[in-house]
Amino acid sequence: MQGVAILGSTGSIGTTALRVLSRHSDRFRVAALTAFSNERLLREQAATFHSPFAELAHNGGSGCLVAAATRDDVDIVLNAVVGAAGLDATLAALESGKRVALANKETLVMAGHLVRQAMARGGGEIVPVDSEHSAILQCIAGRRHEDVRRVVLTASGGPFRDWPREKLDHATSEEALKHPTWRMGKKITIDSATLANKALEVIEAHYLFDLSFDQIEVVVHPQSVVHSFVEFVDGSVLAQMGAPSMELPVLYALTHPRRVSDSSSKPFDPVAHSPLTFEPVRHDAFPTLQLGIDAGRAGGAAPAVFNAANEQAVAVFLDGKMTFGDIPLAISSALKALRSAPAGERAALQKADSDARAHVRKEFGC
């Protein structure tokens, strides 16, 4: 019986995780829950799952997240916090020797080297929750690192996959939030529409699997059934497939490397999911993807600047104070202005983060 802390329990991933845990109460117990501001739902969850710890991060800041992540009765920390706010809890959990089931990709994007150091110091481990990285892990588990030639992450293309470039600039938030295959929180849904989310996933894959950026590619797959491909040096290609649901990646992050029977899983029907199609990324229409990849290649503080500028731009866009086309412009502007920002320890990265947010607010009149 393992204790699980869910950071961000009232969000999309958090509620999905609780559904999974409810079906596996013989293996897992809920030891801690945190939410940003949805106190009513948090209290309901705490009562249903008898959680001994349930607090709002809105009131306690990152200290609340760290407290939940480092409890003695917690074995696995599922970090589903949105954005850079999840960093301290990930580092603390890893230094405490815990497994981090990571849905908070921003942690690795902005501070991948600090995460690796925390793992080395404390003996903790990261198991990805993102469906793409879960797919890669499932394909390479038990295989030698040098046998992997490259990985291919799939992207749905979002709601604007077929839109002409000139129309995209004026897309509304309501249109951007209508994702064709996934049901997610607002921030990640907008990131999927701009392909910023895929840029974050490329950087995440670099750190998770120790791959060079030349070994990571992206292809558009509108059906969201094939979650990633792994190509090996002999030319063999493995892919992990499944219906677009986060329940399997969550369960696998909890049980890896073992697999357990799940009552909700249905037999995969290849005919029902056909046809499966693949398309190249339209980089001219979705420049945010390349901006993120370039930031990852640059290293230093650039990934943290990219992440923070994107978070701020998405928040401004959702407030109706920026156009959809302004999002990549804001990110590019922040990267150019802060290209020489230092990237040493946590304080330097947090300054780069705050400077990038301030730059977007200033330059775009917010």
Protein backbone atom coordinates (compact mmCIF):
# COMPACT_ATOMS: atom_id res chain seq x y z
CA MET A 1 0.00 0.00 0.00
CA GLN A 2 1.69 3.19 -1.21
CA GLY A 3 0.82 6.72 -0.20
CA VAL A 4 0.19 9.18 -3.02
CA ALA A 5 0.26 12.98 -2.91
CA ILE A 6 -1.60 14.74 -5.71
CA LEU A 7 -0.48 18.31 -6.27
CA GLY A 8 -3.20 20.03 -8.27
CA SER A 9 -5.92 17.56 -7.36
CA THR A 10 -8.84 19.67 -8.63
CA GLY A 11 -7.45 20.10 -12.14
CA SER A 12 -7.82 17.84 -15.17
CA ILE A 13 -4.90 15.51 -14.37
CA GLY A 14 -5.64 15.56 -10.65
CA THR A 15 -9.25 14.48 -11.03
CA THR A 16 -8.18 11.84 -13.56
CA ALA A 17 -5.65 10.50 -11.06
CA LEU A 18 -8.27 10.24 -8.35
CA ARG A 19 -10.51 8.22 -10.65
CA VAL A 20 -7.59 5.86 -11.25
CA LEU A 21 -6.78 5.62 -7.54
CA SER A 22 -10.40 4.87 -6.69
CA ARG A 23 -10.15 1.70 -8.80
CA HIS A 24 -6.89 0.64 -7.13
CA SER A 25 -7.53 1.30 -3.47
CA ASP A 26 -5.93 -2.05 -2.67
CA ARG A 27 -2.57 -0.70 -3.88
CA PHE A 28 -2.67 3.03 -3.18
CA ARG A 29 -4.03 5.42 -0.59
CA VAL A 30 -4.36 9.18 -0.89
CA ALA A 31 -1.99 10.76 1.62
CA ALA A 32 -2.07 14.42 0.54
CA LEU A 33 -4.05 16.72 -1.76
CA THR A 34 -3.42 20.30 -2.81
CA ALA A 35 -5.34 22.69 -5.03
CA PHE A 36 -4.86 26.26 -6.14
CA SER A 37 -8.16 27.87 -5.16
CA ASN A 38 -11.05 25.40 -5.57
CA GLU A 39 -11.64 24.86 -1.87
CA ARG A 40 -15.08 23.28 -2.23
CA LEU A 41 -13.89 20.48 -4.52
CA LEU A 42 -10.69 19.99 -2.50
CA ARG A 43 -12.72 19.40 0.67
CA GLU A 44 -15.00 16.98 -1.15
CA GLN A 45 -11.99 15.03 -2.43
CA ALA A 46 -10.36 14.95 1.01
CA ALA A 47 -13.55 13.59 2.56
CA THR A 48 -14.08 10.97 -0.16
CA PHE A 49 -10.51 9.67 -0.06
CA HIS A 50 -9.88 10.26 3.66
CA SER A 51 -6.80 12.33 2.92
CA PRO A 52 -4.99 13.41 6.11
CA PHE A 53 -3.56 16.48 4.32
CA ALA A 54 -5.56 18.86 2.11
CA GLU A 55 -4.50 22.48 1.63
CA LEU A 56 -4.86 25.32 -0.83
CA ALA A 57 -1.62 26.43 -2.47
CA HIS A 58 -3.33 29.76 -3.16
CA ASN A 59 -2.96 30.50 0.54
CA GLY A 60 0.22 28.60 1.36
CA GLY A 61 2.25 29.20 -1.80
CA SER A 62 4.90 26.68 -2.77
CA GLY A 63 5.39 25.81 0.92
CA CYS A 64 2.08 23.98 0.87
CA LEU A 65 3.18 21.94 -2.16
CA VAL A 66 6.55 21.11 -0.60
CA ALA A 67 4.89 20.09 2.66
CA ALA A 68 2.60 17.68 0.84
CA ALA A 69 5.41 16.29 -1.32
CA THR A 70 7.75 15.54 1.57
CA ARG A 71 5.37 13.90 4.03
CA ASP A 72 6.64 10.66 5.57
CA ASP A 73 3.49 8.81 4.50
CA VAL A 74 3.95 9.80 0.85
CA ASP A 75 5.75 7.41 -1.51
CA ILE A 76 4.66 8.86 -4.85
CA VAL A 77 4.12 12.52 -5.69
CA LEU A 78 1.91 13.18 -8.70
CA ASN A 79 2.81 16.73 -9.65
CA ALA A 80 -0.04 18.11 -11.76
CA VAL A 81 0.53 21.77 -10.87
CA VAL A 82 0.39 24.12 -13.85
CA GLY A 83 3.52 26.07 -14.69
CA ALA A 84 6.72 27.01 -12.89
CA ALA A 85 4.98 26.89 -9.51
CA GLY A 86 5.59 23.15 -9.37
CA LEU A 87 9.40 23.36 -9.35
CA ASP A 88 10.13 23.49 -5.62
CA ALA A 89 7.87 20.54 -4.84
CA THR A 90 9.51 18.39 -7.53
CA LEU A 91 13.00 19.19 -6.23
CA ALA A 92 11.99 18.55 -2.61
CA ALA A 93 10.31 15.24 -3.43
CA LEU A 94 13.32 13.99 -5.40
CA GLU A 95 15.69 15.00 -2.62
CA SER A 96 13.48 13.05 -0.23
CA GLY A 97 13.92 9.91 -2.35
CA LYS A 98 10.35 9.79 -3.67
CA ARG A 99 8.96 8.87 -7.06
CA VAL A 100 7.62 11.91 -8.89
CA ALA A 101 4.90 11.10 -11.40
CA LEU A 102 5.48 14.24 -13.42
CA ALA A 103 2.69 16.00 -15.28
CA ASN A 104 4.28 19.38 -14.57
CA LYS A 105 6.61 19.46 -17.58
CA GLU A 106 7.60 23.07 -16.84
CA THR A 107 9.73 21.75 -13.96
CA LEU A 108 12.10 20.01 -16.37
CA VAL A 109 11.94 22.73 -19.00
CA MET A 110 13.07 25.55 -16.76
CA ALA A 111 15.44 23.65 -14.48
CA GLY A 112 16.34 20.28 -15.95
CA HIS A 113 19.88 20.35 -14.57
CA LEU A 114 18.63 21.15 -11.07
CA VAL A 115 16.19 18.25 -11.29
CA ARG A 116 18.98 15.87 -12.23
CA GLN A 117 21.08 17.12 -9.31
CA ALA A 118 18.17 16.63 -6.89
CA MET A 119 17.69 13.06 -8.14
CA ALA A 120 21.38 12.32 -7.63
CA ARG A 121 21.38 13.77 -4.13
CA GLY A 122 18.22 12.18 -2.82
CA GLY A 123 17.80 9.04 -4.90
CA GLY A 124 14.34 9.96 -6.13
CA GLU A 125 13.05 9.16 -9.61
CA ILE A 126 10.84 10.73 -12.25
CA VAL A 127 8.25 8.78 -14.20
CA PRO A 128 6.49 10.90 -16.84
CA VAL A 129 2.73 11.30 -16.97
CA ASP A 130 2.52 13.07 -20.34
CA SER A 131 1.09 10.55 -22.79
CA GLU A 132 3.93 11.11 -25.26
CA HIS A 133 6.70 10.52 -22.75
CA SER A 134 4.86 7.64 -21.14
CA ALA A 135 4.72 6.10 -24.61
CA ILE A 136 8.46 6.52 -25.10
CA LEU A 137 9.16 5.02 -21.68
CA GLN A 138 6.97 2.03 -22.46
CA CYS A 139 8.80 1.48 -25.76
CA ILE A 140 12.36 1.76 -24.41
CA ALA A 141 11.93 0.15 -20.98
CA GLY A 142 14.60 -2.50 -20.53
CA ARG A 143 16.51 -1.49 -23.67
CA ARG A 144 19.96 0.03 -23.97
CA HIS A 145 20.18 3.80 -24.40
CA GLU A 146 22.65 3.44 -27.28
CA ASP A 147 20.11 1.36 -29.22
CA VAL A 148 17.78 4.36 -29.65
CA ARG A 149 18.29 6.29 -32.90
CA ARG A 150 15.50 8.84 -32.42
CA VAL A 151 12.03 9.44 -31.00
CA VAL A 152 9.06 11.02 -32.73
CA LEU A 153 6.51 12.86 -30.61
CA THR A 154 3.03 13.13 -32.04
CA ALA A 155 0.98 16.33 -31.92
CA SER A 156 -2.75 16.52 -32.56
CA GLY A 157 -2.32 19.83 -34.36
CA GLY A 158 -4.93 21.42 -32.12
CA PRO A 159 -8.09 23.21 -33.25
CA PHE A 160 -6.27 25.30 -35.86
CA ARG A 161 -4.47 22.53 -37.74
CA ASP A 162 -6.10 23.45 -41.08
CA TRP A 163 -6.43 27.19 -40.57
CA PRO A 164 -4.57 29.51 -42.99
CA ARG A 165 -1.73 31.52 -41.45
CA GLU A 166 -3.46 34.89 -41.86
CA LYS A 167 -6.60 33.69 -40.07
CA LEU A 168 -4.69 32.36 -37.08
CA ASP A 169 -3.58 35.80 -35.92
CA HIS A 170 -7.15 36.69 -34.96
CA ALA A 171 -8.32 33.40 -33.45
CA THR A 172 -10.31 33.91 -30.25
CA SER A 173 -9.76 32.22 -26.92
CA GLU A 174 -13.11 30.47 -27.29
CA GLU A 175 -11.94 28.94 -30.57
CA ALA A 176 -8.53 28.04 -29.16
CA LEU A 177 -10.10 26.21 -26.21
CA LYS A 178 -12.06 23.82 -28.45
CA HIS A 179 -9.51 21.03 -28.69
CA PRO A 180 -10.64 18.29 -31.08
CA THR A 181 -9.41 15.22 -29.17
CA TRP A 182 -8.27 16.06 -25.60
CA ARG A 183 -10.08 17.60 -22.63
CA MET A 184 -7.56 19.58 -20.59
CA GLY A 185 -7.14 22.72 -18.52
CA LYS A 186 -7.17 26.12 -20.21
CA LYS A 187 -3.43 26.79 -20.18
CA ILE A 188 -2.38 23.49 -21.72
CA THR A 189 -5.23 23.69 -24.25
CA ILE A 190 -3.96 27.05 -25.50
CA ASP A 191 -0.44 25.61 -25.54
CA SER A 192 -1.73 22.80 -27.73
CA ALA A 193 -3.27 25.33 -30.10
CA THR A 194 0.04 27.22 -30.47
CA LEU A 195 2.18 24.01 -30.32
CA ALA A 196 4.02 25.52 -27.35
CA ASN A 197 3.07 22.37 -25.49
CA LYS A 198 4.95 20.27 -28.02
CA ALA A 199 8.01 22.51 -27.64
CA LEU A 200 7.89 21.95 -23.89
CA GLU A 201 7.60 18.21 -24.50
CA VAL A 202 10.66 18.20 -26.79
CA ILE A 203 12.74 19.82 -24.03
CA GLU A 204 11.22 17.44 -21.49
CA ALA A 205 12.17 14.43 -23.64
CA HIS A 206 15.74 15.75 -23.87
CA TYR A 207 16.09 15.62 -20.09
CA LEU A 208 13.99 12.55 -19.37
CA PHE A 209 15.70 10.23 -21.83
CA ASP A 210 19.11 11.91 -22.23
CA LEU A 211 18.54 12.53 -25.94
CA SER A 212 20.09 15.20 -28.11
CA PHE A 213 17.69 17.59 -29.82
CA ASP A 214 18.70 16.05 -33.14
CA GLN A 215 17.20 12.77 -31.90
CA ILE A 216 13.76 14.27 -31.21
CA GLU A 217 11.22 15.03 -33.93
CA VAL A 218 7.57 16.06 -34.05
CA VAL A 219 4.84 14.93 -36.43
CA VAL A 220 1.16 15.93 -36.54
CA HIS A 221 -1.25 13.06 -35.88
CA PRO A 222 -4.82 14.39 -35.67
CA GLN A 223 -6.40 11.24 -34.22
CA SER A 224 -4.14 11.23 -31.09
CA VAL A 225 -4.04 7.43 -31.04
CA VAL A 226 -0.32 6.90 -31.62
CA HIS A 227 1.32 8.73 -28.73
CA SER A 228 4.98 8.43 -29.78
CA PHE A 229 7.35 6.43 -31.94
CA VAL A 230 10.79 5.13 -31.00
CA GLU A 231 13.19 4.22 -33.81
CA PHE A 232 16.13 1.96 -33.00
CA VAL A 233 19.54 1.84 -34.66
CA ASP A 234 18.61 -1.26 -36.70
CA GLY A 235 15.65 0.58 -38.26
CA SER A 236 12.96 -1.08 -36.15
CA VAL A 237 10.20 1.28 -34.96
CA LEU A 238 7.98 0.78 -31.93
CA ALA A 239 4.89 2.87 -31.23
CA GLN A 240 2.59 3.00 -28.23
CA MET A 241 -1.09 3.36 -29.10
CA GLY A 242 -4.30 3.91 -27.22
CA ALA A 243 -7.43 6.02 -27.08
CA PRO A 244 -6.79 9.66 -26.12
CA SER A 245 -7.20 9.34 -22.36
CA MET A 246 -4.81 10.27 -19.57
CA GLU A 247 -5.91 7.42 -17.31
CA LEU A 248 -3.42 4.90 -18.73
CA PRO A 249 -0.37 7.24 -18.47
CA VAL A 250 -1.36 8.11 -14.90
CA LEU A 251 -1.73 4.46 -13.92
CA TYR A 252 1.56 3.49 -15.56
CA ALA A 253 3.40 6.32 -13.80
CA LEU A 254 2.15 4.91 -10.50
CA THR A 255 2.99 1.26 -11.22
CA HIS A 256 6.05 1.39 -13.55
CA PRO A 257 7.74 -0.90 -14.41
CA ARG A 258 4.87 -3.22 -13.50
CA ARG A 259 1.50 -3.33 -15.18
CA VAL A 260 -1.74 -3.96 -13.34
CA SER A 261 -5.16 -4.91 -14.59
CA ASP A 262 -7.56 -1.97 -14.76
CA SER A 263 -11.31 -2.40 -14.82
CA SER A 264 -11.85 0.63 -17.06
CA SER A 265 -9.60 -0.54 -19.90
CA LYS A 266 -11.36 -1.73 -23.02
CA PRO A 267 -9.89 -3.84 -25.84
CA PHE A 268 -8.22 -1.64 -28.44
CA ASP A 269 -10.15 -1.69 -31.73
CA PRO A 270 -7.84 -0.72 -34.59
CA VAL A 271 -10.71 -0.60 -37.07
CA ALA A 272 -12.73 1.80 -34.94
CA HIS A 273 -9.73 4.10 -34.60
CA SER A 274 -8.89 4.04 -38.31
CA PRO A 275 -7.74 5.71 -40.41
CA LEU A 276 -4.56 6.97 -38.74
CA THR A 277 -2.90 9.84 -40.56
CA PHE A 278 0.31 11.83 -40.14
CA GLU A 279 1.33 15.25 -41.40
CA PRO A 280 4.37 17.52 -41.20
CA VAL A 281 4.30 20.45 -38.79
CA ARG A 282 3.43 23.78 -40.41
CA HIS A 283 6.24 25.75 -38.81
CA ASP A 284 5.30 28.96 -40.65
CA ALA A 285 1.83 28.91 -39.08
CA PHE A 286 2.97 27.69 -35.65
CA PRO A 287 6.34 29.36 -34.95
CA THR A 288 6.13 28.77 -31.20
CA LEU A 289 7.29 25.17 -31.62
CA GLN A 290 10.58 26.18 -33.21
CA LEU A 291 11.07 29.00 -30.70
CA GLY A 292 10.90 26.44 -27.90
CA ILE A 293 13.19 23.94 -29.62
CA ASP A 294 15.74 26.69 -30.30
CA ALA A 295 15.55 27.74 -26.64
CA GLY A 296 16.18 24.14 -25.60
CA ARG A 297 19.20 23.93 -27.87
CA ALA A 298 20.54 27.23 -26.53
CA GLY A 299 20.31 25.95 -22.97
CA GLY A 300 21.18 28.16 -20.02
CA ALA A 301 18.25 30.33 -19.00
CA ALA A 302 16.62 30.24 -22.44
CA PRO A 303 14.20 27.37 -21.68
CA ALA A 304 13.11 29.12 -18.46
CA VAL A 305 12.58 32.37 -20.40
CA PHE A 306 10.60 30.54 -23.08
CA ASN A 307 8.39 28.85 -20.51
CA ALA A 308 7.74 31.99 -18.46
CA ALA A 309 7.09 34.21 -21.48
CA ASN A 310 4.66 31.65 -22.84
CA GLU A 311 2.83 31.32 -19.51
CA GLN A 312 2.47 35.09 -19.26
CA ALA A 313 1.41 35.47 -22.87
CA VAL A 314 -1.24 32.76 -22.52
CA ALA A 315 -2.61 34.43 -19.37
CA VAL A 316 -2.82 37.77 -21.18
CA PHE A 317 -4.46 36.15 -24.20
CA LEU A 318 -7.07 34.47 -22.02
CA ASP A 319 -7.76 37.87 -20.44
CA GLY A 320 -8.53 39.22 -23.90
CA LYS A 321 -5.61 41.68 -23.91
CA MET A 322 -3.49 39.99 -26.57
CA THR A 323 -4.23 38.36 -29.92
CA PHE A 324 -3.43 34.75 -30.67
CA GLY A 325 -0.80 35.91 -33.14
CA ASP A 326 0.87 37.99 -30.43
CA ILE A 327 1.76 34.91 -28.36
CA PRO A 328 4.80 33.83 -30.43
CA LEU A 329 5.80 37.48 -30.87
CA ALA A 330 5.84 37.96 -27.09
CA ILE A 331 7.92 34.81 -26.58
CA SER A 332 10.39 35.79 -29.29
CA SER A 333 10.73 39.30 -27.86
CA ALA A 334 11.48 37.95 -24.37
CA LEU A 335 14.04 35.47 -25.69
CA LYS A 336 15.88 38.21 -27.60
CA ALA A 337 15.86 40.59 -24.63
CA LEU A 338 17.02 38.01 -22.09
CA ARG A 339 19.29 35.82 -24.20
CA SER A 340 22.27 36.53 -21.92
CA ALA A 341 20.43 35.89 -18.64
CA PRO A 342 22.52 33.76 -16.25
CA ALA A 343 21.31 30.25 -15.46
CA GLY A 344 23.07 28.91 -12.42
CA GLU A 345 21.12 27.87 -9.39
CA ARG A 346 17.45 28.19 -8.57
CA ALA A 347 17.60 31.93 -7.76
CA ALA A 348 19.05 32.77 -11.18
CA LEU A 349 16.42 30.73 -12.97
CA GLN A 350 13.63 32.29 -10.95
CA LYS A 351 14.95 35.75 -11.84
CA ALA A 352 14.99 34.81 -15.52
CA ASP A 353 11.42 33.56 -15.06
CA SER A 354 10.21 36.77 -13.41
CA ASP A 355 12.10 38.98 -15.88
CA ALA A 356 10.50 37.19 -18.82
CA ARG A 357 7.02 37.67 -17.38
CA ALA A 358 7.71 41.34 -16.70
CA HIS A 359 9.03 41.81 -20.23
CA VAL A 360 5.86 40.40 -21.79
CA ARG A 361 3.66 42.57 -19.58
CA LYS A 362 5.66 45.71 -20.39
CA GLU A 363 6.14 45.21 -24.11
CA PHE A 364 2.58 44.20 -24.75
CA GLY A 365 0.93 46.87 -22.63
CA CYS A 366 -0.48 44.72 -19.86
